Amino acid sequence: MPGRFPARAESGGKTERIEERYTAVWVRRDARPQLVAEQGNLKKQVALSASVSVLQARRATG
């Protein structure tokens, strides 16, 4: 399933707007969906520490 995830990241006092495009592979196991693999690319690059914050925010929201 392809998708995109817009976010804001802060690094060194600067706020950057980024967008991650991703592909996720899901399977149904024991009648429940299970994420098997996910790959994503940032449309706009930001500092590594900011990228980590974005990933943490994404996991927290779903």
C-alpha atoms as a PDB file:
ATOM      1  CA  MET A   1       0.000   0.000   0.000  1.00  0.00           C
ATOM      2  CA  PRO A   2       1.635   3.293  -1.057  1.00  0.00           C
ATOM      3  CA  GLY A   3       1.136   6.522   0.850  1.00  0.00           C
ATOM      4  CA  ARG A   4       2.648   9.765   2.020  1.00  0.00           C
ATOM      5  CA  PHE A   5       3.132  11.376   5.384  1.00  0.00           C
ATOM      6  CA  PRO A   6       3.530  15.161   5.767  1.00  0.00           C
ATOM      7  CA  ALA A   7       5.241  16.403   8.927  1.00  0.00           C
ATOM      8  CA  ARG A   8       7.219  19.197  10.529  1.00  0.00           C
ATOM      9  CA  ALA A   9      10.586  18.572  12.123  1.00  0.00           C
ATOM     10  CA  GLU A  10      12.714  20.791  14.345  1.00  0.00           C
ATOM     11  CA  SER A  11      16.483  20.735  14.240  1.00  0.00           C
ATOM     12  CA  GLY A  12      18.881  23.360  15.532  1.00  0.00           C
ATOM     13  CA  GLY A  13      16.051  25.789  16.178  1.00  0.00           C
ATOM     14  CA  LYS A  14      14.767  25.558  12.587  1.00  0.00           C
ATOM     15  CA  THR A  15      11.439  24.043  11.636  1.00  0.00           C
ATOM     16  CA  GLU A  16      11.365  22.127   8.358  1.00  0.00           C
ATOM     17  CA  ARG A  17       8.329  20.833   6.491  1.00  0.00           C
ATOM     18  CA  ILE A  18       8.945  17.428   4.997  1.00  0.00           C
ATOM     19  CA  GLU A  19       6.997  14.734   3.252  1.00  0.00           C
ATOM     20  CA  GLU A  20       7.734  11.027   3.401  1.00  0.00           C
ATOM     21  CA  ARG A  21       6.504   8.760   0.654  1.00  0.00           C
ATOM     22  CA  TYR A  22       6.271   5.131   1.650  1.00  0.00           C
ATOM     23  CA  THR A  23       5.228   1.668   0.600  1.00  0.00           C
ATOM     24  CA  ALA A  24       3.918  -0.764   3.199  1.00  0.00           C
ATOM     25  CA  VAL A  25       3.307  -4.491   2.774  1.00  0.00           C
ATOM     26  CA  TRP A  26       0.566  -5.993   4.944  1.00  0.00           C
ATOM     27  CA  VAL A  27      -0.597  -9.606   5.325  1.00  0.00           C
ATOM     28  CA  ARG A  28      -3.574 -11.041   7.137  1.00  0.00           C
ATOM     29  CA  ARG A  29      -2.388 -13.427   9.843  1.00  0.00           C
ATOM     30  CA  ASP A  30      -4.795 -15.040  12.309  1.00  0.00           C
ATOM     31  CA  ALA A  31      -7.592 -12.838  10.911  1.00  0.00           C
ATOM     32  CA  ARG A  32      -5.623  -9.668  11.790  1.00  0.00           C
ATOM     33  CA  PRO A  33      -3.541  -7.397   9.555  1.00  0.00           C
ATOM     34  CA  GLN A  34       0.190  -7.459  10.233  1.00  0.00           C
ATOM     35  CA  LEU A  35       2.804  -5.099   8.814  1.00  0.00           C
ATOM     36  CA  VAL A  36       5.515  -7.170   7.119  1.00  0.00           C
ATOM     37  CA  ALA A  37       7.727  -4.496   5.551  1.00  0.00           C
ATOM     38  CA  GLU A  38       7.829  -0.745   5.048  1.00  0.00           C
ATOM     39  CA  GLN A  39      10.155   1.438   3.000  1.00  0.00           C
ATOM     40  CA  GLY A  40      10.071   5.218   2.883  1.00  0.00           C
ATOM     41  CA  ASN A  41      11.897   8.145   1.329  1.00  0.00           C
ATOM     42  CA  LEU A  42      11.907  11.764   2.421  1.00  0.00           C
ATOM     43  CA  LYS A  43      10.872  14.184  -0.293  1.00  0.00           C
ATOM     44  CA  LYS A  44      12.863  16.940   1.419  1.00  0.00           C
ATOM     45  CA  GLN A  45      15.965  15.986   3.399  1.00  0.00           C
ATOM     46  CA  VAL A  46      16.459  17.292   6.953  1.00  0.00           C
ATOM     47  CA  ALA A  47      19.077  16.676   9.612  1.00  0.00           C
ATOM     48  CA  LEU A  48      19.307  13.123  10.939  1.00  0.00           C
ATOM     49  CA  SER A  49      18.096  14.090  14.428  1.00  0.00           C
ATOM     50  CA  ALA A  50      15.020  15.716  12.888  1.00  0.00           C
ATOM     51  CA  SER A  51      14.350  12.614  10.778  1.00  0.00           C
ATOM     52  CA  VAL A  52      14.335  10.512  13.934  1.00  0.00           C
ATOM     53  CA  SER A  53      11.810  12.897  15.528  1.00  0.00           C
ATOM     54  CA  VAL A  54       9.553  12.573  12.488  1.00  0.00           C
ATOM     55  CA  LEU A  55       9.677   8.794  12.662  1.00  0.00           C
ATOM     56  CA  GLN A  56       8.842   8.898  16.360  1.00  0.00           C
ATOM     57  CA  ALA A  57       5.899  11.229  15.673  1.00  0.00           C
ATOM     58  CA  ARG A  58       4.679   8.938  12.912  1.00  0.00           C
ATOM     59  CA  ARG A  59       4.760   5.885  15.170  1.00  0.00           C
ATOM     60  CA  ALA A  60       2.890   7.780  17.889  1.00  0.00           C
ATOM     61  CA  THR A  61       0.075   8.769  15.521  1.00  0.00           C
ATOM     62  CA  GLY A  62      -0.513   5.428  13.938  1.00  0.00           C
END
